[in-house]
PDB file of all heavy atoms in Angstrom:
ATOM      1  N   VAL A   1       9.088  16.122 -40.755  1.00  0.00           N
ATOM      2  CA  VAL A   1      10.043  15.329 -39.997  1.00  0.00           C
ATOM      3  C   VAL A   1       9.692  13.847 -40.142  1.00  0.00           C
ATOM      4  O   VAL A   1       8.529  13.451 -40.021  1.00  0.00           O
ATOM      5  CB  VAL A   1      10.058  15.772 -38.517  1.00  0.00           C
ATOM      6  CG1 VAL A   1       8.756  15.441 -37.819  1.00  0.00           C
ATOM      7  CG2 VAL A   1      11.230  15.160 -37.776  1.00  0.00           C
ATOM      8  N   PRO A   2      10.664  12.996 -40.463  1.00  0.00           N
ATOM      9  CA  PRO A   2      10.363  11.585 -40.728  1.00  0.00           C
ATOM     10  C   PRO A   2      10.098  10.757 -39.472  1.00  0.00           C
ATOM     11  O   PRO A   2       9.647   9.622 -39.577  1.00  0.00           O
ATOM     12  CB  PRO A   2      11.619  11.088 -41.450  1.00  0.00           C
ATOM     13  CG  PRO A   2      12.698  12.013 -41.017  1.00  0.00           C
ATOM     14  CD  PRO A   2      12.054  13.341 -40.793  1.00  0.00           C
ATOM     15  N   VAL A   3      10.387  11.302 -38.296  1.00  0.00           N
ATOM     16  CA  VAL A   3      10.152  10.600 -37.032  1.00  0.00           C
ATOM     17  C   VAL A   3       9.082  11.362 -36.264  1.00  0.00           C
ATOM     18  O   VAL A   3       9.198  12.577 -36.074  1.00  0.00           O
ATOM     19  CB  VAL A   3      11.443  10.496 -36.200  1.00  0.00           C
ATOM     20  CG1 VAL A   3      11.172   9.802 -34.870  1.00  0.00           C
ATOM     21  CG2 VAL A   3      12.527   9.755 -36.983  1.00  0.00           C
ATOM     22  N   ARG A   4       8.061  10.659 -35.822  1.00  0.00           N
ATOM     23  CA  ARG A   4       6.921  11.315 -35.172  1.00  0.00           C
ATOM     24  C   ARG A   4       7.373  12.162 -33.991  1.00  0.00           C
ATOM     25  O   ARG A   4       8.078  11.691 -33.081  1.00  0.00           O
ATOM     26  CB  ARG A   4       5.913  10.274 -34.708  1.00  0.00           C
ATOM     27  CG  ARG A   4       4.743  10.875 -33.953  1.00  0.00           C
ATOM     28  CD  ARG A   4       3.601   9.887 -33.779  1.00  0.00           C
ATOM     29  NE  ARG A   4       2.604  10.391 -32.849  1.00  0.00           N
ATOM     30  CZ  ARG A   4       1.731  11.347 -33.110  1.00  0.00           C
ATOM     31  NH1 ARG A   4       1.728  11.920 -34.314  1.00  0.00           N
ATOM     32  NH2 ARG A   4       0.858  11.742 -32.216  1.00  0.00           N
ATOM     33  N   THR A   5       6.966  13.424 -33.991  1.00  0.00           N
ATOM     34  CA  THR A   5       7.299  14.373 -32.932  1.00  0.00           C
ATOM     35  C   THR A   5       6.016  15.038 -32.447  1.00  0.00           C
ATOM     36  O   THR A   5       5.225  15.534 -33.251  1.00  0.00           O
ATOM     37  CB  THR A   5       8.271  15.450 -33.452  1.00  0.00           C
ATOM     38  OG1 THR A   5       9.463  14.824 -33.951  1.00  0.00           O
ATOM     39  CG2 THR A   5       8.645  16.417 -32.337  1.00  0.00           C
ATOM     40  N   GLU A   6       5.816  15.050 -31.138  1.00  0.00           N
ATOM     41  CA  GLU A   6       4.655  15.701 -30.544  1.00  0.00           C
ATOM     42  C   GLU A   6       5.104  16.975 -29.837  1.00  0.00           C
ATOM     43  O   GLU A   6       6.204  17.029 -29.277  1.00  0.00           O
ATOM     44  CB  GLU A   6       3.964  14.761 -29.561  1.00  0.00           C
ATOM     45  CG  GLU A   6       3.411  13.518 -30.239  1.00  0.00           C
ATOM     46  CD  GLU A   6       2.908  12.498 -29.241  1.00  0.00           C
ATOM     47  OE1 GLU A   6       1.756  12.626 -28.797  1.00  0.00           O
ATOM     48  OE2 GLU A   6       3.674  11.586 -28.897  1.00  0.00           O
ATOM     49  N   VAL A   7       4.239  17.989 -29.847  1.00  0.00           N
ATOM     50  CA  VAL A   7       4.628  19.316 -29.386  1.00  0.00           C
ATOM     51  C   VAL A   7       3.571  19.877 -28.441  1.00  0.00           C
ATOM     52  O   VAL A   7       2.368  19.735 -28.680  1.00  0.00           O
ATOM     53  CB  VAL A   7       4.824  20.274 -30.584  1.00  0.00           C
ATOM     54  CG1 VAL A   7       5.144  21.684 -30.097  1.00  0.00           C
ATOM     55  CG2 VAL A   7       5.924  19.763 -31.505  1.00  0.00           C
ATOM     56  N   VAL A   8       4.039  20.508 -27.361  1.00  0.00           N
ATOM     57  CA  VAL A   8       3.193  21.349 -26.519  1.00  0.00           C
ATOM     58  C   VAL A   8       3.699  22.776 -26.667  1.00  0.00           C
ATOM     59  O   VAL A   8       4.844  23.079 -26.315  1.00  0.00           O
ATOM     60  CB  VAL A   8       3.245  20.926 -25.036  1.00  0.00           C
ATOM     61  CG1 VAL A   8       2.396  21.886 -24.190  1.00  0.00           C
ATOM     62  CG2 VAL A   8       2.755  19.504 -24.862  1.00  0.00           C
ATOM     63  N   LEU A   9       2.875  23.654 -27.219  1.00  0.00           N
ATOM     64  CA  LEU A   9       3.264  25.037 -27.444  1.00  0.00           C
ATOM     65  C   LEU A   9       3.099  25.878 -26.178  1.00  0.00           C
ATOM     66  O   LEU A   9       2.361  25.513 -25.260  1.00  0.00           O
ATOM     67  CB  LEU A   9       2.418  25.648 -28.559  1.00  0.00           C
ATOM     68  CG  LEU A   9       2.543  25.004 -29.942  1.00  0.00           C
ATOM     69  CD1 LEU A   9       1.519  25.600 -30.879  1.00  0.00           C
ATOM     70  CD2 LEU A   9       3.939  25.172 -30.501  1.00  0.00           C
ATOM     71  N   ARG A  10       3.782  27.003 -26.152  1.00  0.00           N
ATOM     72  CA  ARG A  10       3.658  27.919 -25.026  1.00  0.00           C
ATOM     73  C   ARG A  10       2.210  28.385 -24.861  1.00  0.00           C
ATOM     74  O   ARG A  10       1.731  28.598 -23.742  1.00  0.00           O
ATOM     75  CB  ARG A  10       4.588  29.118 -25.210  1.00  0.00           C
ATOM     76  CG  ARG A  10       4.598  30.057 -24.005  1.00  0.00           C
ATOM     77  CD  ARG A  10       5.710  31.081 -24.069  1.00  0.00           C
ATOM     78  NE  ARG A  10       5.514  32.078 -25.101  1.00  0.00           N
ATOM     79  CZ  ARG A  10       6.200  32.137 -26.238  1.00  0.00           C
ATOM     80  NH1 ARG A  10       7.141  31.241 -26.485  1.00  0.00           N
ATOM     81  NH2 ARG A  10       5.974  33.078 -27.127  1.00  0.00           N
ATOM     82  N   GLU A  11       1.491  28.535 -25.982  1.00  0.00           N
ATOM     83  CA  GLU A  11       0.091  28.943 -25.906  1.00  0.00           C
ATOM     84  C   GLU A  11      -0.755  27.900 -25.168  1.00  0.00           C
ATOM     85  O   GLU A  11      -1.679  28.241 -24.423  1.00  0.00           O
ATOM     86  CB  GLU A  11      -0.466  29.173 -27.317  1.00  0.00           C
ATOM     87  CG  GLU A  11       0.083  30.401 -28.016  1.00  0.00           C
ATOM     88  CD  GLU A  11       1.473  30.179 -28.603  1.00  0.00           C
ATOM     89  OE1 GLU A  11       1.908  29.006 -28.693  1.00  0.00           O
ATOM     90  OE2 GLU A  11       2.132  31.169 -28.966  1.00  0.00           O
ATOM     91  N   ASP A  12      -0.444  26.615 -25.388  1.00  0.00           N
ATOM     92  CA  ASP A  12      -1.148  25.564 -24.656  1.00  0.00           C
ATOM     93  C   ASP A  12      -0.883  25.677 -23.159  1.00  0.00           C
ATOM     94  O   ASP A  12      -1.785  25.522 -22.333  1.00  0.00           O
ATOM     95  CB  ASP A  12      -0.692  24.180 -25.135  1.00  0.00           C
ATOM     96  CG  ASP A  12      -1.054  23.911 -26.574  1.00  0.00           C
ATOM     97  OD1 ASP A  12      -2.233  24.024 -26.916  1.00  0.00           O
ATOM     98  OD2 ASP A  12      -0.141  23.592 -27.359  1.00  0.00           O
ATOM     99  N   MET A  13       0.380  25.922 -22.822  1.00  0.00           N
ATOM    100  CA  MET A  13       0.746  26.013 -21.410  1.00  0.00           C
ATOM    101  C   MET A  13       0.109  27.231 -20.754  1.00  0.00           C
ATOM    102  O   MET A  13      -0.364  27.166 -19.620  1.00  0.00           O
ATOM    103  CB  MET A  13       2.275  26.040 -21.273  1.00  0.00           C
ATOM    104  CG  MET A  13       2.935  24.731 -21.692  1.00  0.00           C
ATOM    105  SD  MET A  13       4.725  24.704 -21.407  1.00  0.00           S
ATOM    106  CE  MET A  13       5.315  25.518 -22.883  1.00  0.00           C
ATOM    107  N   ASN A  14       0.096  28.361 -21.461  1.00  0.00           N
ATOM    108  CA  ASN A  14      -0.509  29.576 -20.898  1.00  0.00           C
ATOM    109  C   ASN A  14      -1.987  29.367 -20.595  1.00  0.00           C
ATOM    110  O   ASN A  14      -2.522  29.883 -19.605  1.00  0.00           O
ATOM    111  CB  ASN A  14      -0.356  30.743 -21.874  1.00  0.00           C
ATOM    112  CG  ASN A  14       1.073  31.239 -21.960  1.00  0.00           C
ATOM    113  OD1 ASN A  14       1.890  30.966 -21.089  1.00  0.00           O
ATOM    114  ND2 ASN A  14       1.378  31.963 -23.023  1.00  0.00           N
ATOM    115  N   LEU A  15      -2.650  28.609 -21.430  1.00  0.00           N
ATOM    116  CA  LEU A  15      -4.088  28.424 -21.284  1.00  0.00           C
ATOM    117  C   LEU A  15      -4.432  27.728 -19.974  1.00  0.00           C
ATOM    118  O   LEU A  15      -5.390  28.086 -19.291  1.00  0.00           O
ATOM    119  CB  LEU A  15      -4.626  27.619 -22.468  1.00  0.00           C
ATOM    120  CG  LEU A  15      -6.133  27.396 -22.526  1.00  0.00           C
ATOM    121  CD1 LEU A  15      -6.867  28.707 -22.715  1.00  0.00           C
ATOM    122  CD2 LEU A  15      -6.472  26.423 -23.652  1.00  0.00           C
ATOM    123  N   ARG A  16      -3.621  26.722 -19.559  1.00  0.00           N
ATOM    124  CA  ARG A  16      -3.946  25.921 -18.385  1.00  0.00           C
ATOM    125  C   ARG A  16      -3.110  26.295 -17.164  1.00  0.00           C
ATOM    126  O   ARG A  16      -3.213  25.676 -16.128  1.00  0.00           O
ATOM    127  CB  ARG A  16      -3.797  24.441 -18.716  1.00  0.00           C
ATOM    128  CG  ARG A  16      -4.704  24.030 -19.862  1.00  0.00           C
ATOM    129  CD  ARG A  16      -4.687  22.561 -20.133  1.00  0.00           C
ATOM    130  NE  ARG A  16      -5.311  21.801 -19.064  1.00  0.00           N
ATOM    131  CZ  ARG A  16      -5.939  20.646 -19.253  1.00  0.00           C
ATOM    132  NH1 ARG A  16      -6.061  20.158 -20.462  1.00  0.00           N
ATOM    133  NH2 ARG A  16      -6.444  19.989 -18.232  1.00  0.00           N
ATOM    134  N   VAL A  17      -2.243  27.284 -17.286  1.00  0.00           N
ATOM    135  CA  VAL A  17      -1.479  27.856 -16.185  1.00  0.00           C
ATOM    136  C   VAL A  17      -0.739  26.781 -15.373  1.00  0.00           C
ATOM    137  O   VAL A  17      -0.876  26.692 -14.155  1.00  0.00           O
ATOM    138  CB  VAL A  17      -2.374  28.695 -15.236  1.00  0.00           C
ATOM    139  CG1 VAL A  17      -1.503  29.625 -14.394  1.00  0.00           C
ATOM    140  CG2 VAL A  17      -3.396  29.501 -16.000  1.00  0.00           C
ATOM    141  N   PRO A  18       0.081  25.934 -16.017  1.00  0.00           N
ATOM    142  CA  PRO A  18       0.901  25.015 -15.225  1.00  0.00           C
ATOM    143  C   PRO A  18       2.044  25.786 -14.560  1.00  0.00           C
ATOM    144  O   PRO A  18       2.639  26.687 -15.155  1.00  0.00           O
ATOM    145  CB  PRO A  18       1.433  24.030 -16.266  1.00  0.00           C
ATOM    146  CG  PRO A  18       1.470  24.817 -17.534  1.00  0.00           C
ATOM    147  CD  PRO A  18       0.318  25.779 -17.452  1.00  0.00           C
ATOM    148  N   LEU A  19       2.363  25.426 -13.323  1.00  0.00           N
ATOM    149  CA  LEU A  19       3.434  26.120 -12.616  1.00  0.00           C
ATOM    150  C   LEU A  19       4.808  25.663 -13.064  1.00  0.00           C
ATOM    151  O   LEU A  19       5.782  26.405 -12.964  1.00  0.00           O
ATOM    152  CB  LEU A  19       3.301  25.897 -11.105  1.00  0.00           C
ATOM    153  CG  LEU A  19       2.019  26.411 -10.447  1.00  0.00           C
ATOM    154  CD1 LEU A  19       2.095  26.191  -8.940  1.00  0.00           C
ATOM    155  CD2 LEU A  19       1.795  27.870 -10.765  1.00  0.00           C
ATOM    156  N   ASN A  20       4.912  24.420 -13.546  1.00  0.00           N
ATOM    157  CA  ASN A  20       6.220  23.867 -13.849  1.00  0.00           C
ATOM    158  C   ASN A  20       6.107  22.815 -14.938  1.00  0.00           C
ATOM    159  O   ASN A  20       5.007  22.478 -15.411  1.00  0.00           O
ATOM    160  CB  ASN A  20       6.860  23.277 -12.578  1.00  0.00           C
ATOM    161  CG  ASN A  20       5.939  22.291 -11.880  1.00  0.00           C
ATOM    162  OD1 ASN A  20       5.498  21.308 -12.464  1.00  0.00           O
ATOM    163  ND2 ASN A  20       5.613  22.571 -10.624  1.00  0.00           N
ATOM    164  N   PHE A  21       7.256  22.283 -15.306  1.00  0.00           N
ATOM    165  CA  PHE A  21       7.328  21.303 -16.390  1.00  0.00           C
ATOM    166  C   PHE A  21       6.468  20.075 -16.124  1.00  0.00           C
ATOM    167  O   PHE A  21       5.813  19.550 -17.022  1.00  0.00           O
ATOM    168  CB  PHE A  21       8.791  20.905 -16.592  1.00  0.00           C
ATOM    169  CG  PHE A  21       8.970  19.595 -17.306  1.00  0.00           C
ATOM    170  CD1 PHE A  21       8.731  19.487 -18.660  1.00  0.00           C
ATOM    171  CD2 PHE A  21       9.382  18.459 -16.610  1.00  0.00           C
ATOM    172  CE1 PHE A  21       8.886  18.280 -19.318  1.00  0.00           C
ATOM    173  CE2 PHE A  21       9.544  17.256 -17.249  1.00  0.00           C
ATOM    174  CZ  PHE A  21       9.294  17.163 -18.610  1.00  0.00           C
ATOM    175  N   SER A  22       6.449  19.571 -14.877  1.00  0.00           N
ATOM    176  CA  SER A  22       5.730  18.330 -14.583  1.00  0.00           C
ATOM    177  C   SER A  22       4.239  18.469 -14.843  1.00  0.00           C
ATOM    178  O   SER A  22       3.567  17.483 -15.164  1.00  0.00           O
ATOM    179  CB  SER A  22       5.982  17.901 -13.132  1.00  0.00           C
ATOM    180  OG  SER A  22       5.311  18.741 -12.224  1.00  0.00           O
ATOM    181  N   GLN A  23       3.689  19.667 -14.706  1.00  0.00           N
ATOM    182  CA  GLN A  23       2.273  19.887 -14.989  1.00  0.00           C
ATOM    183  C   GLN A  23       2.031  20.136 -16.473  1.00  0.00           C
ATOM    184  O   GLN A  23       0.992  19.754 -17.013  1.00  0.00           O
ATOM    185  CB  GLN A  23       1.757  21.058 -14.158  1.00  0.00           C
ATOM    186  CG  GLN A  23       1.801  20.816 -12.657  1.00  0.00           C
ATOM    187  CD  GLN A  23       1.377  22.030 -11.842  1.00  0.00           C
ATOM    188  OE1 GLN A  23       0.902  23.024 -12.382  1.00  0.00           O
ATOM    189  NE2 GLN A  23       1.556  21.964 -10.534  1.00  0.00           N
ATOM    190  N   ALA A  24       2.995  20.742 -17.148  1.00  0.00           N
ATOM    191  CA  ALA A  24       2.818  21.067 -18.571  1.00  0.00           C
ATOM    192  C   ALA A  24       2.871  19.826 -19.450  1.00  0.00           C
ATOM    193  O   ALA A  24       2.125  19.712 -20.426  1.00  0.00           O
ATOM    194  CB  ALA A  24       3.883  22.068 -19.010  1.00  0.00           C
ATOM    195  N   VAL A  25       3.740  18.869 -19.120  1.00  0.00           N
ATOM    196  CA  VAL A  25       3.948  17.721 -20.007  1.00  0.00           C
ATOM    197  C   VAL A  25       2.741  16.794 -20.013  1.00  0.00           C
ATOM    198  O   VAL A  25       2.559  16.005 -20.947  1.00  0.00           O
ATOM    199  CB  VAL A  25       5.236  16.965 -19.590  1.00  0.00           C
ATOM    200  CG1 VAL A  25       5.009  16.153 -18.324  1.00  0.00           C
ATOM    201  CG2 VAL A  25       5.745  16.086 -20.722  1.00  0.00           C
ATOM    202  N   GLU A  26       1.876  16.877 -19.003  1.00  0.00           N
ATOM    203  CA  GLU A  26       0.708  16.008 -18.944  1.00  0.00           C
ATOM    204  C   GLU A  26      -0.356  16.371 -19.971  1.00  0.00           C
ATOM    205  O   GLU A  26      -1.371  15.686 -20.083  1.00  0.00           O
ATOM    206  CB  GLU A  26       0.100  16.043 -17.542  1.00  0.00           C
ATOM    207  CG  GLU A  26       0.958  15.380 -16.486  1.00  0.00           C
ATOM    208  CD  GLU A  26       0.242  15.248 -15.149  1.00  0.00           C
ATOM    209  OE1 GLU A  26       0.036  16.276 -14.494  1.00  0.00           O
ATOM    210  OE2 GLU A  26      -0.109  14.121 -14.784  1.00  0.00           O
ATOM    211  N   LEU A  27      -0.130  17.449 -20.738  1.00  0.00           N
ATOM    212  CA  LEU A  27      -1.078  17.814 -21.786  1.00  0.00           C
ATOM    213  C   LEU A  27      -1.028  16.853 -22.965  1.00  0.00           C
ATOM    214  O   LEU A  27      -1.903  16.880 -23.827  1.00  0.00           O
ATOM    215  CB  LEU A  27      -0.792  19.235 -22.278  1.00  0.00           C
ATOM    216  CG  LEU A  27      -0.985  20.358 -21.251  1.00  0.00           C
ATOM    217  CD1 LEU A  27      -0.495  21.682 -21.813  1.00  0.00           C
ATOM    218  CD2 LEU A  27      -2.425  20.463 -20.814  1.00  0.00           C
ATOM    219  N   LEU A  28       0.000  15.987 -23.033  1.00  0.00           N
ATOM    220  CA  LEU A  28       0.173  15.088 -24.167  1.00  0.00           C
ATOM    221  C   LEU A  28      -0.391  13.708 -23.874  1.00  0.00           C
ATOM    222  O   LEU A  28      -0.222  13.160 -22.783  1.00  0.00           O
ATOM    223  CB  LEU A  28       1.653  14.958 -24.524  1.00  0.00           C
ATOM    224  CG  LEU A  28       2.284  16.137 -25.250  1.00  0.00           C
ATOM    225  CD1 LEU A  28       3.777  15.923 -25.402  1.00  0.00           C
ATOM    226  CD2 LEU A  28       1.642  16.346 -26.621  1.00  0.00           C
ATOM    227  N   ASN A  29      -1.005  13.120 -24.889  1.00  0.00           N
ATOM    228  CA  ASN A  29      -1.517  11.766 -24.792  1.00  0.00           C
ATOM    229  C   ASN A  29      -0.356  10.781 -24.622  1.00  0.00           C
ATOM    230  O   ASN A  29       0.694  10.904 -25.256  1.00  0.00           O
ATOM    231  CB  ASN A  29      -2.303  11.435 -26.064  1.00  0.00           C
ATOM    232  CG  ASN A  29      -2.916  10.060 -26.017  1.00  0.00           C
ATOM    233  OD1 ASN A  29      -3.289   9.558 -24.964  1.00  0.00           O
ATOM    234  ND2 ASN A  29      -3.031   9.433 -27.182  1.00  0.00           N
ATOM    235  N   GLY A  30      -0.533   9.791 -23.754  1.00  0.00           N
ATOM    236  CA  GLY A  30       0.492   8.778 -23.551  1.00  0.00           C
ATOM    237  C   GLY A  30       1.632   9.205 -22.660  1.00  0.00           C
ATOM    238  O   GLY A  30       2.576   8.436 -22.455  1.00  0.00           O
ATOM    239  N   VAL A  31       1.584  10.432 -22.131  1.00  0.00           N
ATOM    240  CA  VAL A  31       2.609  10.926 -21.208  1.00  0.00           C
ATOM    241  C   VAL A  31       1.954  11.069 -19.843  1.00  0.00           C
ATOM    242  O   VAL A  31       0.912  11.713 -19.713  1.00  0.00           O
ATOM    243  CB  VAL A  31       3.183  12.274 -21.666  1.00  0.00           C
ATOM    244  CG1 VAL A  31       4.233  12.776 -20.685  1.00  0.00           C
ATOM    245  CG2 VAL A  31       3.788  12.141 -23.058  1.00  0.00           C
ATOM    246  N   ARG A  32       2.552  10.474 -18.818  1.00  0.00           N
ATOM    247  CA  ARG A  32       1.958  10.452 -17.494  1.00  0.00           C
ATOM    248  C   ARG A  32       2.975  10.815 -16.453  1.00  0.00           C
ATOM    249  O   ARG A  32       4.125  10.378 -16.506  1.00  0.00           O
ATOM    250  CB  ARG A  32       1.455   9.026 -17.201  1.00  0.00           C
ATOM    251  CG  ARG A  32       0.130   9.001 -16.530  1.00  0.00           C
ATOM    252  CD  ARG A  32      -0.351   7.579 -16.289  1.00  0.00           C
ATOM    253  NE  ARG A  32      -0.673   7.477 -14.886  1.00  0.00           N
ATOM    254  CZ  ARG A  32       0.101   6.898 -13.995  1.00  0.00           C
ATOM    255  NH1 ARG A  32       1.216   6.340 -14.347  1.00  0.00           N
ATOM    256  NH2 ARG A  32      -0.262   6.885 -12.751  1.00  0.00           N
ATOM    257  N   VAL A  33       2.575  11.656 -15.485  1.00  0.00           N
ATOM    258  CA  VAL A  33       3.434  11.991 -14.349  1.00  0.00           C
ATOM    259  C   VAL A  33       2.887  11.261 -13.129  1.00  0.00           C
ATOM    260  O   VAL A  33       1.724  11.448 -12.757  1.00  0.00           O
ATOM    261  CB  VAL A  33       3.492  13.507 -14.103  1.00  0.00           C
ATOM    262  CG1 VAL A  33       4.391  13.811 -12.910  1.00  0.00           C
ATOM    263  CG2 VAL A  33       4.013  14.230 -15.349  1.00  0.00           C
ATOM    264  N   GLU A  34       3.723  10.425 -12.528  1.00  0.00           N
ATOM    265  CA  GLU A  34       3.320   9.589 -11.392  1.00  0.00           C
ATOM    266  C   GLU A  34       4.044  10.032 -10.137  1.00  0.00           C
ATOM    267  O   GLU A  34       5.264  10.239 -10.156  1.00  0.00           O
ATOM    268  CB  GLU A  34       3.654   8.122 -11.686  1.00  0.00           C
ATOM    269  CG  GLU A  34       3.361   7.153 -10.553  1.00  0.00           C
ATOM    270  CD  GLU A  34       1.878   6.993 -10.284  1.00  0.00           C
ATOM    271  OE1 GLU A  34       1.166   6.484 -11.171  1.00  0.00           O
ATOM    272  OE2 GLU A  34       1.440   7.391  -9.187  1.00  0.00           O
ATOM    273  N   SER A  35       3.300  10.191  -9.046  1.00  0.00           N
ATOM    274  CA  SER A  35       3.907  10.477  -7.746  1.00  0.00           C
ATOM    275  C   SER A  35       4.409   9.180  -7.139  1.00  0.00           C
ATOM    276  O   SER A  35       3.754   8.138  -7.236  1.00  0.00           O
ATOM    277  CB  SER A  35       2.892  11.134  -6.811  1.00  0.00           C
ATOM    278  OG  SER A  35       3.476  11.393  -5.557  1.00  0.00           O
ATOM    279  N   ASN A  36       5.582   9.229  -6.508  1.00  0.00           N
ATOM    280  CA  ASN A  36       6.196   8.019  -5.973  1.00  0.00           C
ATOM    281  C   ASN A  36       6.433   8.061  -4.475  1.00  0.00           C
ATOM    282  O   ASN A  36       7.040   7.137  -3.935  1.00  0.00           O
ATOM    283  CB  ASN A  36       7.525   7.738  -6.683  1.00  0.00           C
ATOM    284  CG  ASN A  36       7.314   7.233  -8.095  1.00  0.00           C
ATOM    285  OD1 ASN A  36       6.353   6.534  -8.375  1.00  0.00           O
ATOM    286  ND2 ASN A  36       8.195   7.612  -8.995  1.00  0.00           N
ATOM    287  N   CYS A  37       5.990   9.109  -3.785  1.00  0.00           N
ATOM    288  CA  CYS A  37       6.251   9.177  -2.353  1.00  0.00           C
ATOM    289  C   CYS A  37       5.182  10.023  -1.669  1.00  0.00           C
ATOM    290  O   CYS A  37       4.968  11.175  -2.046  1.00  0.00           O
ATOM    291  CB  CYS A  37       7.640   9.749  -2.069  1.00  0.00           C
ATOM    292  SG  CYS A  37       8.047   9.825  -0.318  1.00  0.00           S
TER     293      CYS A  37
END
């Protein structure tokens, strides 16, 4: 693919048992989930 694409596989998610998307996406460098309230 000519445009950089980063991937989190289901195997990665299974390993760390995230309950939802907000916990799974934090496995990537440069991606941050911030609480606002």
